[in-house]
Amino acid sequence: MVMVGGITRLTESGLSITEWKLVTGTLPPLGEAAWLAEFEKYKRIPEYQQLNQGMTLEAFKGIYFWEYLHRLIGRLIGVAFALPLLWFAVRRAIPKGYGWRLTALLVLGGLQGVIGWWMVTSGLAQRTDVSHFRLAAHLLLALFILAALVWTALDLRALARDPACRPAWLTGVGALAGAILFVQLVFGAFTAGLNAGLVTDQWPLMNGKFFPSEVLAVRPLLDAVLNDPAMIHWIHRWWAWVAVAALVVLARRAKAAGDRRASIAIHSAFGIQILLGIATVMSGVEIHTAVLHQTVGALVVAATAWGAHSIGRRK
């Protein structure tokens, strides 16, 4: 889901479907007339009028495919979670104390769809793309759900092994590592939303400089941090090392707690992610590399949740 979301963003496909039909939208346009009707709706929004004038129907079908697939997978995830949850609830097979948590995860999945549509609406009237703030909210909620799923699965697996096992705590080290990683993810989302990866194809310098000081000559600091592509790119590439330091500490704690596999997962994920991040910049945001960068970012989140869970297990 995260990978397809990344492709949808990188191919500028997210505004190709201008309506949100939860049930009837499950089916794609059937027949030439239906495709032409969808294309006419797309022609009314600023993205087409200002950027894609003259696009062919075949080209429209290409971007429509990715947005449609993204929404379809979202629906399938909801069904794959809701139906088994209902089945186990009816059979009273959900362990005590987990019913509310599993229901909350289902609600968050529904909320993710709502936020996704809220994000899309920001690009339908006056803008030629979606708000990078709303895109960040959409991506961050997805990654939070992923982390919560991993955490809950680990709790349930531990419970299956030992009926007396209690859910893990979120420790101070785990919370700090998560908070530092959260900042990195925020600026990663901003980088994607503002196409800030295209500011430079150099690393470690940016267009021959270490720091884009010229930005502060025309923008206040807070405005630059939140809205300027060069400043956001700079923060994202260097805050990554703060995140690495925090994840190394978390991995060491996980290993000390007896979970060497979690430690290996954390080190492997952030190591690959750093290399992919540098490669994404130096390739001029080549789409395959950029998609892998976003996908491995999700694996970093999953590994971090695993490590934080390992050090929070209670005997």
C-alpha atoms as a PDB file:
ATOM      1  CA  MET A   1       0.000   0.000   0.000  1.00  0.00           C
ATOM      2  CA  VAL A   2       2.821   2.390   0.878  1.00  0.00           C
ATOM      3  CA  MET A   3       4.663   1.478  -2.318  1.00  0.00           C
ATOM      4  CA  VAL A   4       1.629   2.101  -4.531  1.00  0.00           C
ATOM      5  CA  GLY A   5       0.998   5.361  -2.674  1.00  0.00           C
ATOM      6  CA  GLY A   6       4.544   6.418  -3.489  1.00  0.00           C
ATOM      7  CA  ILE A   7       4.101   5.566  -7.162  1.00  0.00           C
ATOM      8  CA  THR A   8       0.815   7.483  -7.194  1.00  0.00           C
ATOM      9  CA  ARG A   9       2.591  10.569  -5.875  1.00  0.00           C
ATOM     10  CA  LEU A  10       5.659  10.285  -8.090  1.00  0.00           C
ATOM     11  CA  THR A  11       3.592   9.831 -11.259  1.00  0.00           C
ATOM     12  CA  GLU A  12       1.352  12.789 -10.327  1.00  0.00           C
ATOM     13  CA  SER A  13      -1.651  10.464 -10.451  1.00  0.00           C
ATOM     14  CA  GLY A  14      -3.389  11.447  -7.214  1.00  0.00           C
ATOM     15  CA  LEU A  15      -5.826  13.967  -8.714  1.00  0.00           C
ATOM     16  CA  SER A  16      -6.952  11.806 -11.625  1.00  0.00           C
ATOM     17  CA  ILE A  17     -10.087  10.647  -9.756  1.00  0.00           C
ATOM     18  CA  THR A  18     -12.004  13.753  -8.740  1.00  0.00           C
ATOM     19  CA  GLU A  19     -14.772  12.063  -6.749  1.00  0.00           C
ATOM     20  CA  TRP A  20     -14.920   9.764  -3.741  1.00  0.00           C
ATOM     21  CA  LYS A  21     -17.468   6.996  -4.154  1.00  0.00           C
ATOM     22  CA  LEU A  22     -16.862   4.462  -1.419  1.00  0.00           C
ATOM     23  CA  VAL A  23     -18.958   1.639  -2.910  1.00  0.00           C
ATOM     24  CA  THR A  24     -19.553   2.385  -6.601  1.00  0.00           C
ATOM     25  CA  GLY A  25     -15.967   3.608  -6.953  1.00  0.00           C
ATOM     26  CA  THR A  26     -14.804   0.027  -6.446  1.00  0.00           C
ATOM     27  CA  LEU A  27     -15.327  -0.585 -10.174  1.00  0.00           C
ATOM     28  CA  PRO A  28     -13.229   1.258 -12.763  1.00  0.00           C
ATOM     29  CA  PRO A  29     -14.855   2.972 -15.776  1.00  0.00           C
ATOM     30  CA  LEU A  30     -16.408   0.319 -18.031  1.00  0.00           C
ATOM     31  CA  GLY A  31     -16.536   1.258 -21.676  1.00  0.00           C
ATOM     32  CA  GLU A  32     -15.362   4.198 -23.764  1.00  0.00           C
ATOM     33  CA  ALA A  33     -18.234   6.487 -22.695  1.00  0.00           C
ATOM     34  CA  ALA A  34     -17.438   5.983 -19.004  1.00  0.00           C
ATOM     35  CA  TRP A  35     -13.748   6.733 -19.617  1.00  0.00           C
ATOM     36  CA  LEU A  36     -14.577   9.908 -21.519  1.00  0.00           C
ATOM     37  CA  ALA A  37     -16.866  11.034 -18.689  1.00  0.00           C
ATOM     38  CA  GLU A  38     -14.071  10.562 -16.129  1.00  0.00           C
ATOM     39  CA  PHE A  39     -11.634  12.392 -18.391  1.00  0.00           C
ATOM     40  CA  GLU A  40     -14.030  15.340 -18.706  1.00  0.00           C
ATOM     41  CA  LYS A  41     -14.173  15.628 -14.908  1.00  0.00           C
ATOM     42  CA  TYR A  42     -10.371  15.694 -14.764  1.00  0.00           C
ATOM     43  CA  LYS A  43     -10.269  18.426 -17.419  1.00  0.00           C
ATOM     44  CA  ARG A  44     -12.151  20.761 -15.057  1.00  0.00           C
ATOM     45  CA  ILE A  45      -9.437  20.890 -12.390  1.00  0.00           C
ATOM     46  CA  PRO A  46      -6.393  23.228 -12.392  1.00  0.00           C
ATOM     47  CA  GLU A  47      -3.854  20.398 -12.763  1.00  0.00           C
ATOM     48  CA  TYR A  48      -5.147  19.594 -16.231  1.00  0.00           C
ATOM     49  CA  GLN A  49      -5.826  23.193 -17.256  1.00  0.00           C
ATOM     50  CA  GLN A  50      -2.407  24.503 -16.189  1.00  0.00           C
ATOM     51  CA  LEU A  51      -0.082  21.508 -16.520  1.00  0.00           C
ATOM     52  CA  ASN A  52      -1.608  18.776 -18.665  1.00  0.00           C
ATOM     53  CA  GLN A  53      -3.412  20.551 -21.478  1.00  0.00           C
ATOM     54  CA  GLY A  54      -3.603  18.260 -24.470  1.00  0.00           C
ATOM     55  CA  MET A  55      -3.216  15.028 -22.497  1.00  0.00           C
ATOM     56  CA  THR A  56      -4.553  12.052 -24.438  1.00  0.00           C
ATOM     57  CA  LEU A  57      -7.160   9.665 -23.118  1.00  0.00           C
ATOM     58  CA  GLU A  58      -4.568   6.880 -23.045  1.00  0.00           C
ATOM     59  CA  ALA A  59      -2.223   9.008 -20.917  1.00  0.00           C
ATOM     60  CA  PHE A  60      -5.121   9.786 -18.580  1.00  0.00           C
ATOM     61  CA  LYS A  61      -5.839   6.068 -18.218  1.00  0.00           C
ATOM     62  CA  GLY A  62      -2.213   5.628 -17.118  1.00  0.00           C
ATOM     63  CA  ILE A  63      -2.452   8.036 -14.184  1.00  0.00           C
ATOM     64  CA  TYR A  64      -5.999   6.907 -13.381  1.00  0.00           C
ATOM     65  CA  PHE A  65      -4.720   3.341 -12.967  1.00  0.00           C
ATOM     66  CA  TRP A  66      -2.395   4.188 -10.066  1.00  0.00           C
ATOM     67  CA  GLU A  67      -4.925   6.257  -8.130  1.00  0.00           C
ATOM     68  CA  TYR A  68      -7.595   3.607  -8.716  1.00  0.00           C
ATOM     69  CA  LEU A  69      -5.229   0.826  -7.578  1.00  0.00           C
ATOM     70  CA  HIS A  70      -4.286   2.818  -4.477  1.00  0.00           C
ATOM     71  CA  ARG A  71      -7.930   3.238  -3.497  1.00  0.00           C
ATOM     72  CA  LEU A  72      -8.757  -0.388  -4.338  1.00  0.00           C
ATOM     73  CA  ILE A  73      -5.974  -1.718  -2.100  1.00  0.00           C
ATOM     74  CA  GLY A  74      -7.276   0.544   0.672  1.00  0.00           C
ATOM     75  CA  ARG A  75     -10.705  -1.039   0.367  1.00  0.00           C
ATOM     76  CA  LEU A  76      -9.205  -4.538   0.320  1.00  0.00           C
ATOM     77  CA  ILE A  77      -7.187  -3.818   3.469  1.00  0.00           C
ATOM     78  CA  GLY A  78     -10.389  -2.711   5.202  1.00  0.00           C
ATOM     79  CA  VAL A  79     -12.218  -5.898   4.202  1.00  0.00           C
ATOM     80  CA  ALA A  80      -9.224  -8.107   5.090  1.00  0.00           C
ATOM     81  CA  PHE A  81      -9.198  -6.600   8.579  1.00  0.00           C
ATOM     82  CA  ALA A  82     -12.920  -6.104   9.266  1.00  0.00           C
ATOM     83  CA  LEU A  83     -14.291  -9.522   8.270  1.00  0.00           C
ATOM     84  CA  PRO A  84     -11.893 -11.626  10.386  1.00  0.00           C
ATOM     85  CA  LEU A  85     -12.335  -9.178  13.275  1.00  0.00           C
ATOM     86  CA  LEU A  86     -16.117  -9.637  13.084  1.00  0.00           C
ATOM     87  CA  TRP A  87     -15.722 -13.424  12.825  1.00  0.00           C
ATOM     88  CA  PHE A  88     -13.528 -13.667  15.913  1.00  0.00           C
ATOM     89  CA  ALA A  89     -15.744 -11.215  17.813  1.00  0.00           C
ATOM     90  CA  VAL A  90     -18.857 -13.328  17.123  1.00  0.00           C
ATOM     91  CA  ARG A  91     -16.981 -16.435  18.254  1.00  0.00           C
ATOM     92  CA  ARG A  92     -15.742 -14.572  21.358  1.00  0.00           C
ATOM     93  CA  ALA A  93     -12.195 -15.531  20.391  1.00  0.00           C
ATOM     94  CA  ILE A  94     -10.602 -12.112  20.859  1.00  0.00           C
ATOM     95  CA  PRO A  95      -8.334 -12.108  23.939  1.00  0.00           C
ATOM     96  CA  LYS A  96      -9.463  -9.958  26.829  1.00  0.00           C
ATOM     97  CA  GLY A  97      -8.321  -6.354  26.494  1.00  0.00           C
ATOM     98  CA  TYR A  98      -7.675  -6.541  22.740  1.00  0.00           C
ATOM     99  CA  GLY A  99     -11.166  -5.883  21.400  1.00  0.00           C
ATOM    100  CA  TRP A 100     -10.900  -2.125  21.833  1.00  0.00           C
ATOM    101  CA  ARG A 101      -7.424  -2.031  20.312  1.00  0.00           C
ATOM    102  CA  LEU A 102      -8.383  -4.004  17.210  1.00  0.00           C
ATOM    103  CA  THR A 103     -11.511  -1.896  16.775  1.00  0.00           C
ATOM    104  CA  ALA A 104      -9.439   1.275  17.094  1.00  0.00           C
ATOM    105  CA  LEU A 105      -7.118   0.017  14.352  1.00  0.00           C
ATOM    106  CA  LEU A 106     -10.123  -0.572  12.096  1.00  0.00           C
ATOM    107  CA  VAL A 107     -11.430   2.941  12.813  1.00  0.00           C
ATOM    108  CA  LEU A 108      -8.006   4.412  12.057  1.00  0.00           C
ATOM    109  CA  GLY A 109      -8.022   2.581   8.735  1.00  0.00           C
ATOM    110  CA  GLY A 110     -11.356   4.208   7.889  1.00  0.00           C
ATOM    111  CA  LEU A 111     -10.034   7.581   9.022  1.00  0.00           C
ATOM    112  CA  GLN A 112      -7.062   7.097   6.694  1.00  0.00           C
ATOM    113  CA  GLY A 113      -9.454   6.930   3.760  1.00  0.00           C
ATOM    114  CA  VAL A 114     -11.189  10.115   4.898  1.00  0.00           C
ATOM    115  CA  ILE A 115      -7.857  11.933   5.248  1.00  0.00           C
ATOM    116  CA  GLY A 116      -6.827  10.665   1.823  1.00  0.00           C
ATOM    117  CA  TRP A 117      -9.907  12.270   0.273  1.00  0.00           C
ATOM    118  CA  TRP A 118      -9.342  15.450   2.349  1.00  0.00           C
ATOM    119  CA  MET A 119      -5.841  15.536   0.857  1.00  0.00           C
ATOM    120  CA  VAL A 120      -7.154  15.110  -2.696  1.00  0.00           C
ATOM    121  CA  THR A 121      -9.718  17.919  -2.291  1.00  0.00           C
ATOM    122  CA  SER A 122      -6.901  20.378  -1.606  1.00  0.00           C
ATOM    123  CA  GLY A 123      -5.789  19.982  -5.227  1.00  0.00           C
ATOM    124  CA  LEU A 124      -9.152  20.141  -6.992  1.00  0.00           C
ATOM    125  CA  ALA A 125     -10.013  23.837  -6.893  1.00  0.00           C
ATOM    126  CA  GLN A 126      -7.164  26.373  -6.837  1.00  0.00           C
ATOM    127  CA  ARG A 127      -3.940  24.327  -6.686  1.00  0.00           C
ATOM    128  CA  THR A 128      -2.259  22.120  -9.268  1.00  0.00           C
ATOM    129  CA  ASP A 129      -1.200  19.633  -6.580  1.00  0.00           C
ATOM    130  CA  VAL A 130      -2.242  18.583  -3.094  1.00  0.00           C
ATOM    131  CA  SER A 131      -1.264  20.376   0.107  1.00  0.00           C
ATOM    132  CA  HIS A 132       2.026  19.007   1.446  1.00  0.00           C
ATOM    133  CA  PHE A 133       0.614  19.351   4.974  1.00  0.00           C
ATOM    134  CA  ARG A 134      -2.346  17.130   4.116  1.00  0.00           C
ATOM    135  CA  LEU A 135      -0.076  14.693   2.293  1.00  0.00           C
ATOM    136  CA  ALA A 136       2.064  14.488   5.424  1.00  0.00           C
ATOM    137  CA  ALA A 137      -1.021  13.769   7.556  1.00  0.00           C
ATOM    138  CA  HIS A 138      -2.052  11.000   5.138  1.00  0.00           C
ATOM    139  CA  LEU A 139       1.376   9.344   5.052  1.00  0.00           C
ATOM    140  CA  LEU A 140       2.073   9.695   8.773  1.00  0.00           C
ATOM    141  CA  LEU A 141      -1.251   8.158   9.762  1.00  0.00           C
ATOM    142  CA  ALA A 142      -0.524   5.237   7.406  1.00  0.00           C
ATOM    143  CA  LEU A 143       2.858   4.675   9.047  1.00  0.00           C
ATOM    144  CA  PHE A 144       1.360   5.004  12.543  1.00  0.00           C
ATOM    145  CA  ILE A 145      -1.204   2.322  11.657  1.00  0.00           C
ATOM    146  CA  LEU A 146       1.617   0.124  10.375  1.00  0.00           C
ATOM    147  CA  ALA A 147       3.557   0.542  13.620  1.00  0.00           C
ATOM    148  CA  ALA A 148       0.424  -0.152  15.691  1.00  0.00           C
ATOM    149  CA  LEU A 149      -0.282  -3.308  13.674  1.00  0.00           C
ATOM    150  CA  VAL A 150       3.260  -4.573  14.240  1.00  0.00           C
ATOM    151  CA  TRP A 151       3.067  -3.780  17.972  1.00  0.00           C
ATOM    152  CA  THR A 152      -0.326  -5.485  18.355  1.00  0.00           C
ATOM    153  CA  ALA A 153       0.806  -8.550  16.392  1.00  0.00           C
ATOM    154  CA  LEU A 154       3.860  -8.893  18.649  1.00  0.00           C
ATOM    155  CA  ASP A 155       1.681  -8.596  21.765  1.00  0.00           C
ATOM    156  CA  LEU A 156      -0.696 -11.259  20.461  1.00  0.00           C
ATOM    157  CA  ARG A 157       2.144 -13.575  19.472  1.00  0.00           C
ATOM    158  CA  ALA A 158       3.640 -13.273  22.957  1.00  0.00           C
ATOM    159  CA  LEU A 159       0.208 -13.941  24.469  1.00  0.00           C
ATOM    160  CA  ALA A 160      -0.176 -17.079  22.337  1.00  0.00           C
ATOM    161  CA  ARG A 161       3.112 -18.386  23.701  1.00  0.00           C
ATOM    162  CA  ASP A 162       2.333 -17.492  27.318  1.00  0.00           C
ATOM    163  CA  PRO A 163      -1.275 -16.835  28.463  1.00  0.00           C
ATOM    164  CA  ALA A 164       0.077 -14.889  31.449  1.00  0.00           C
ATOM    165  CA  CYS A 165       2.007 -12.461  29.228  1.00  0.00           C
ATOM    166  CA  ARG A 166       1.027  -8.803  29.474  1.00  0.00           C
ATOM    167  CA  PRO A 167       1.193  -6.175  26.667  1.00  0.00           C
ATOM    168  CA  ALA A 168       4.509  -4.371  26.268  1.00  0.00           C
ATOM    169  CA  TRP A 169       5.061  -0.820  27.538  1.00  0.00           C
ATOM    170  CA  LEU A 170       6.338   2.060  25.469  1.00  0.00           C
ATOM    171  CA  THR A 171       9.563   2.942  27.294  1.00  0.00           C
ATOM    172  CA  GLY A 172      11.306   6.301  27.361  1.00  0.00           C
ATOM    173  CA  VAL A 173      13.978   5.136  24.906  1.00  0.00           C
ATOM    174  CA  GLY A 174      11.354   3.738  22.556  1.00  0.00           C
ATOM    175  CA  ALA A 175       9.279   6.920  22.722  1.00  0.00           C
ATOM    176  CA  LEU A 176      12.322   9.133  22.100  1.00  0.00           C
ATOM    177  CA  ALA A 177      13.445   7.068  19.104  1.00  0.00           C
ATOM    178  CA  GLY A 178       9.904   7.158  17.754  1.00  0.00           C
ATOM    179  CA  ALA A 179       9.644  10.925  18.199  1.00  0.00           C
ATOM    180  CA  ILE A 180      12.953  11.558  16.424  1.00  0.00           C
ATOM    181  CA  LEU A 181      11.932   9.244  13.595  1.00  0.00           C
ATOM    182  CA  PHE A 182       8.567  11.030  13.423  1.00  0.00           C
ATOM    183  CA  VAL A 183      10.317  14.340  12.689  1.00  0.00           C
ATOM    184  CA  GLN A 184      12.277  12.668   9.901  1.00  0.00           C
ATOM    185  CA  LEU A 185       9.079  11.230   8.439  1.00  0.00           C
ATOM    186  CA  VAL A 186       7.367  14.630   8.561  1.00  0.00           C
ATOM    187  CA  PHE A 187      10.118  16.220   6.507  1.00  0.00           C
ATOM    188  CA  GLY A 188      10.216  13.205   4.210  1.00  0.00           C
ATOM    189  CA  ALA A 189       6.513  13.764   3.510  1.00  0.00           C
ATOM    190  CA  PHE A 190       7.122  17.488   2.975  1.00  0.00           C
ATOM    191  CA  THR A 191       9.972  16.611   0.602  1.00  0.00           C
ATOM    192  CA  ALA A 192       7.631  14.417  -1.430  1.00  0.00           C
ATOM    193  CA  GLY A 193       4.765  16.915  -1.354  1.00  0.00           C
ATOM    194  CA  LEU A 194       6.904  19.833  -2.562  1.00  0.00           C
ATOM    195  CA  ASN A 195       9.088  17.809  -4.948  1.00  0.00           C
ATOM    196  CA  ALA A 196      11.992  19.010  -2.836  1.00  0.00           C
ATOM    197  CA  GLY A 197      14.142  16.080  -3.919  1.00  0.00           C
ATOM    198  CA  LEU A 198      14.597  17.883  -7.234  1.00  0.00           C
ATOM    199  CA  VAL A 199      16.271  20.914  -5.611  1.00  0.00           C
ATOM    200  CA  THR A 200      19.685  19.338  -6.183  1.00  0.00           C
ATOM    201  CA  ASP A 201      21.259  16.143  -7.466  1.00  0.00           C
ATOM    202  CA  GLN A 202      24.346  16.539  -5.281  1.00  0.00           C
ATOM    203  CA  TRP A 203      25.328  14.875  -2.020  1.00  0.00           C
ATOM    204  CA  PRO A 204      26.580  15.820   0.568  1.00  0.00           C
ATOM    205  CA  LEU A 205      26.562  19.383  -0.810  1.00  0.00           C
ATOM    206  CA  MET A 206      23.482  21.078  -2.239  1.00  0.00           C
ATOM    207  CA  ASN A 207      24.304  22.915  -5.453  1.00  0.00           C
ATOM    208  CA  GLY A 208      27.854  23.453  -4.258  1.00  0.00           C
ATOM    209  CA  LYS A 209      26.859  24.572  -0.743  1.00  0.00           C
ATOM    210  CA  PHE A 210      26.443  22.827   2.571  1.00  0.00           C
ATOM    211  CA  PHE A 211      23.495  25.013   3.655  1.00  0.00           C
ATOM    212  CA  PRO A 212      20.993  26.913   1.433  1.00  0.00           C
ATOM    213  CA  SER A 213      21.532  30.235   3.228  1.00  0.00           C
ATOM    214  CA  GLU A 214      19.988  32.226   0.371  1.00  0.00           C
ATOM    215  CA  VAL A 215      16.562  30.951   1.436  1.00  0.00           C
ATOM    216  CA  LEU A 216      16.664  32.924   4.691  1.00  0.00           C
ATOM    217  CA  ALA A 217      17.266  36.150   2.775  1.00  0.00           C
ATOM    218  CA  VAL A 218      13.765  35.984   1.318  1.00  0.00           C
ATOM    219  CA  ARG A 219      11.788  33.941   3.874  1.00  0.00           C
ATOM    220  CA  PRO A 220      11.366  34.024   7.665  1.00  0.00           C
ATOM    221  CA  LEU A 221      12.907  30.963   9.311  1.00  0.00           C
ATOM    222  CA  LEU A 222       9.621  29.264  10.286  1.00  0.00           C
ATOM    223  CA  ASP A 223       8.133  29.822   6.836  1.00  0.00           C
ATOM    224  CA  ALA A 224      11.285  28.367   5.255  1.00  0.00           C
ATOM    225  CA  VAL A 225      11.239  25.312   7.529  1.00  0.00           C
ATOM    226  CA  LEU A 226       7.612  24.570   6.691  1.00  0.00           C
ATOM    227  CA  ASN A 227       7.328  25.617   3.057  1.00  0.00           C
ATOM    228  CA  ASP A 228      10.650  26.095   1.266  1.00  0.00           C
ATOM    229  CA  PRO A 229      11.766  23.045  -0.780  1.00  0.00           C
ATOM    230  CA  ALA A 230      15.512  23.708  -0.351  1.00  0.00           C
ATOM    231  CA  MET A 231      15.294  24.151   3.427  1.00  0.00           C
ATOM    232  CA  ILE A 232      13.028  21.116   3.815  1.00  0.00           C
ATOM    233  CA  HIS A 233      15.396  19.028   1.699  1.00  0.00           C
ATOM    234  CA  TRP A 234      18.357  20.140   3.825  1.00  0.00           C
ATOM    235  CA  ILE A 235      16.575  19.279   7.100  1.00  0.00           C
ATOM    236  CA  HIS A 236      15.471  15.900   5.779  1.00  0.00           C
ATOM    237  CA  ARG A 237      18.955  14.857   4.675  1.00  0.00           C
ATOM    238  CA  TRP A 238      20.734  15.924   7.888  1.00  0.00           C
ATOM    239  CA  TRP A 239      18.101  15.100  10.514  1.00  0.00           C
ATOM    240  CA  ALA A 240      18.440  11.563   9.131  1.00  0.00           C
ATOM    241  CA  TRP A 241      21.701  11.222  11.062  1.00  0.00           C
ATOM    242  CA  VAL A 242      19.984  12.226  14.309  1.00  0.00           C
ATOM    243  CA  ALA A 243      17.434   9.497  13.575  1.00  0.00           C
ATOM    244  CA  VAL A 244      20.248   7.023  12.889  1.00  0.00           C
ATOM    245  CA  ALA A 245      21.856   7.783  16.261  1.00  0.00           C
ATOM    246  CA  ALA A 246      18.531   7.243  18.050  1.00  0.00           C
ATOM    247  CA  LEU A 247      17.894   3.995  16.177  1.00  0.00           C
ATOM    248  CA  VAL A 248      21.364   2.674  16.988  1.00  0.00           C
ATOM    249  CA  VAL A 249      20.632   3.222  20.698  1.00  0.00           C
ATOM    250  CA  LEU A 250      17.255   1.520  20.309  1.00  0.00           C
ATOM    251  CA  ALA A 251      18.824  -1.420  18.465  1.00  0.00           C
ATOM    252  CA  ARG A 252      21.466  -1.864  21.171  1.00  0.00           C
ATOM    253  CA  ARG A 253      18.770  -1.850  23.850  1.00  0.00           C
ATOM    254  CA  ALA A 254      16.757  -4.418  21.892  1.00  0.00           C
ATOM    255  CA  LYS A 255      19.793  -6.676  21.601  1.00  0.00           C
ATOM    256  CA  ALA A 256      20.488  -6.298  25.324  1.00  0.00           C
ATOM    257  CA  ALA A 257      16.866  -7.265  25.971  1.00  0.00           C
ATOM    258  CA  GLY A 258      17.492 -10.533  24.141  1.00  0.00           C
ATOM    259  CA  ASP A 259      16.019  -9.681  20.743  1.00  0.00           C
ATOM    260  CA  ARG A 260      18.987  -9.748  18.375  1.00  0.00           C
ATOM    261  CA  ARG A 261      16.730 -10.093  15.344  1.00  0.00           C
ATOM    262  CA  ALA A 262      15.046  -6.770  16.071  1.00  0.00           C
ATOM    263  CA  SER A 263      18.457  -5.142  16.349  1.00  0.00           C
ATOM    264  CA  ILE A 264      19.509  -6.588  12.984  1.00  0.00           C
ATOM    265  CA  ALA A 265      16.232  -5.436  11.411  1.00  0.00           C
ATOM    266  CA  ILE A 266      16.714  -1.863  12.629  1.00  0.00           C
ATOM    267  CA  HIS A 267      20.324  -1.626  11.455  1.00  0.00           C
ATOM    268  CA  SER A 268      19.528  -3.216   8.086  1.00  0.00           C
ATOM    269  CA  ALA A 269      16.506  -0.996   7.453  1.00  0.00           C
ATOM    270  CA  PHE A 270      18.116   2.345   8.221  1.00  0.00           C
ATOM    271  CA  GLY A 271      21.359   1.365   6.457  1.00  0.00           C
ATOM    272  CA  ILE A 272      19.537   0.544   3.230  1.00  0.00           C
ATOM    273  CA  GLN A 273      17.350   3.629   3.647  1.00  0.00           C
ATOM    274  CA  ILE A 274      20.345   5.972   3.856  1.00  0.00           C
ATOM    275  CA  LEU A 275      21.833   4.528   0.673  1.00  0.00           C
ATOM    276  CA  LEU A 276      18.493   4.768  -1.124  1.00  0.00           C
ATOM    277  CA  GLY A 277      18.020   8.356   0.044  1.00  0.00           C
ATOM    278  CA  ILE A 278      21.396   9.400  -1.355  1.00  0.00           C
ATOM    279  CA  ALA A 279      20.741   7.468  -4.571  1.00  0.00           C
ATOM    280  CA  THR A 280      17.322   9.122  -4.949  1.00  0.00           C
ATOM    281  CA  VAL A 281      18.886  12.582  -4.776  1.00  0.00           C
ATOM    282  CA  MET A 282      21.827  11.809  -7.052  1.00  0.00           C
ATOM    283  CA  SER A 283      19.584  10.126  -9.641  1.00  0.00           C
ATOM    284  CA  GLY A 284      17.345  13.177  -9.894  1.00  0.00           C
ATOM    285  CA  VAL A 285      14.504  11.301  -8.135  1.00  0.00           C
ATOM    286  CA  GLU A 286      14.482   8.351 -10.523  1.00  0.00           C
ATOM    287  CA  ILE A 287      11.111   6.762  -9.921  1.00  0.00           C
ATOM    288  CA  HIS A 288      12.179   3.186  -9.076  1.00  0.00           C
ATOM    289  CA  THR A 289      14.776   4.389  -6.581  1.00  0.00           C
ATOM    290  CA  ALA A 290      12.376   6.904  -5.054  1.00  0.00           C
ATOM    291  CA  VAL A 291       9.647   4.259  -4.639  1.00  0.00           C
ATOM    292  CA  LEU A 292      12.114   1.924  -2.932  1.00  0.00           C
ATOM    293  CA  HIS A 293      13.151   4.792  -0.645  1.00  0.00           C
ATOM    294  CA  GLN A 294       9.561   5.278   0.494  1.00  0.00           C
ATOM    295  CA  THR A 295       8.968   1.532   0.832  1.00  0.00           C
ATOM    296  CA  VAL A 296      12.056   0.945   2.946  1.00  0.00           C
ATOM    297  CA  GLY A 297      11.002   3.959   5.021  1.00  0.00           C
ATOM    298  CA  ALA A 298       7.938   1.924   5.974  1.00  0.00           C
ATOM    299  CA  LEU A 299      10.218  -0.985   6.908  1.00  0.00           C
ATOM    300  CA  VAL A 300      12.229   1.383   9.122  1.00  0.00           C
ATOM    301  CA  VAL A 301       8.997   2.233  10.936  1.00  0.00           C
ATOM    302  CA  ALA A 302       8.103  -1.457  11.312  1.00  0.00           C
ATOM    303  CA  ALA A 303      11.589  -2.315  12.606  1.00  0.00           C
ATOM    304  CA  THR A 304      11.476   0.610  15.047  1.00  0.00           C
ATOM    305  CA  ALA A 305       8.133  -0.605  16.400  1.00  0.00           C
ATOM    306  CA  TRP A 306       9.641  -4.084  16.767  1.00  0.00           C
ATOM    307  CA  GLY A 307      12.661  -2.768  18.670  1.00  0.00           C
ATOM    308  CA  ALA A 308      10.578  -0.516  20.925  1.00  0.00           C
ATOM    309  CA  HIS A 309       8.299  -3.457  21.688  1.00  0.00           C
ATOM    310  CA  SER A 310      11.296  -5.657  22.536  1.00  0.00           C
ATOM    311  CA  ILE A 311      12.597  -3.295  25.210  1.00  0.00           C
ATOM    312  CA  GLY A 312       9.103  -2.728  26.603  1.00  0.00           C
ATOM    313  CA  ARG A 313       8.160  -6.341  27.257  1.00  0.00           C
ATOM    314  CA  ARG A 314       7.105  -7.045  30.825  1.00  0.00           C
ATOM    315  CA  LYS A 315       7.917 -10.247  32.670  1.00  0.00           C
END
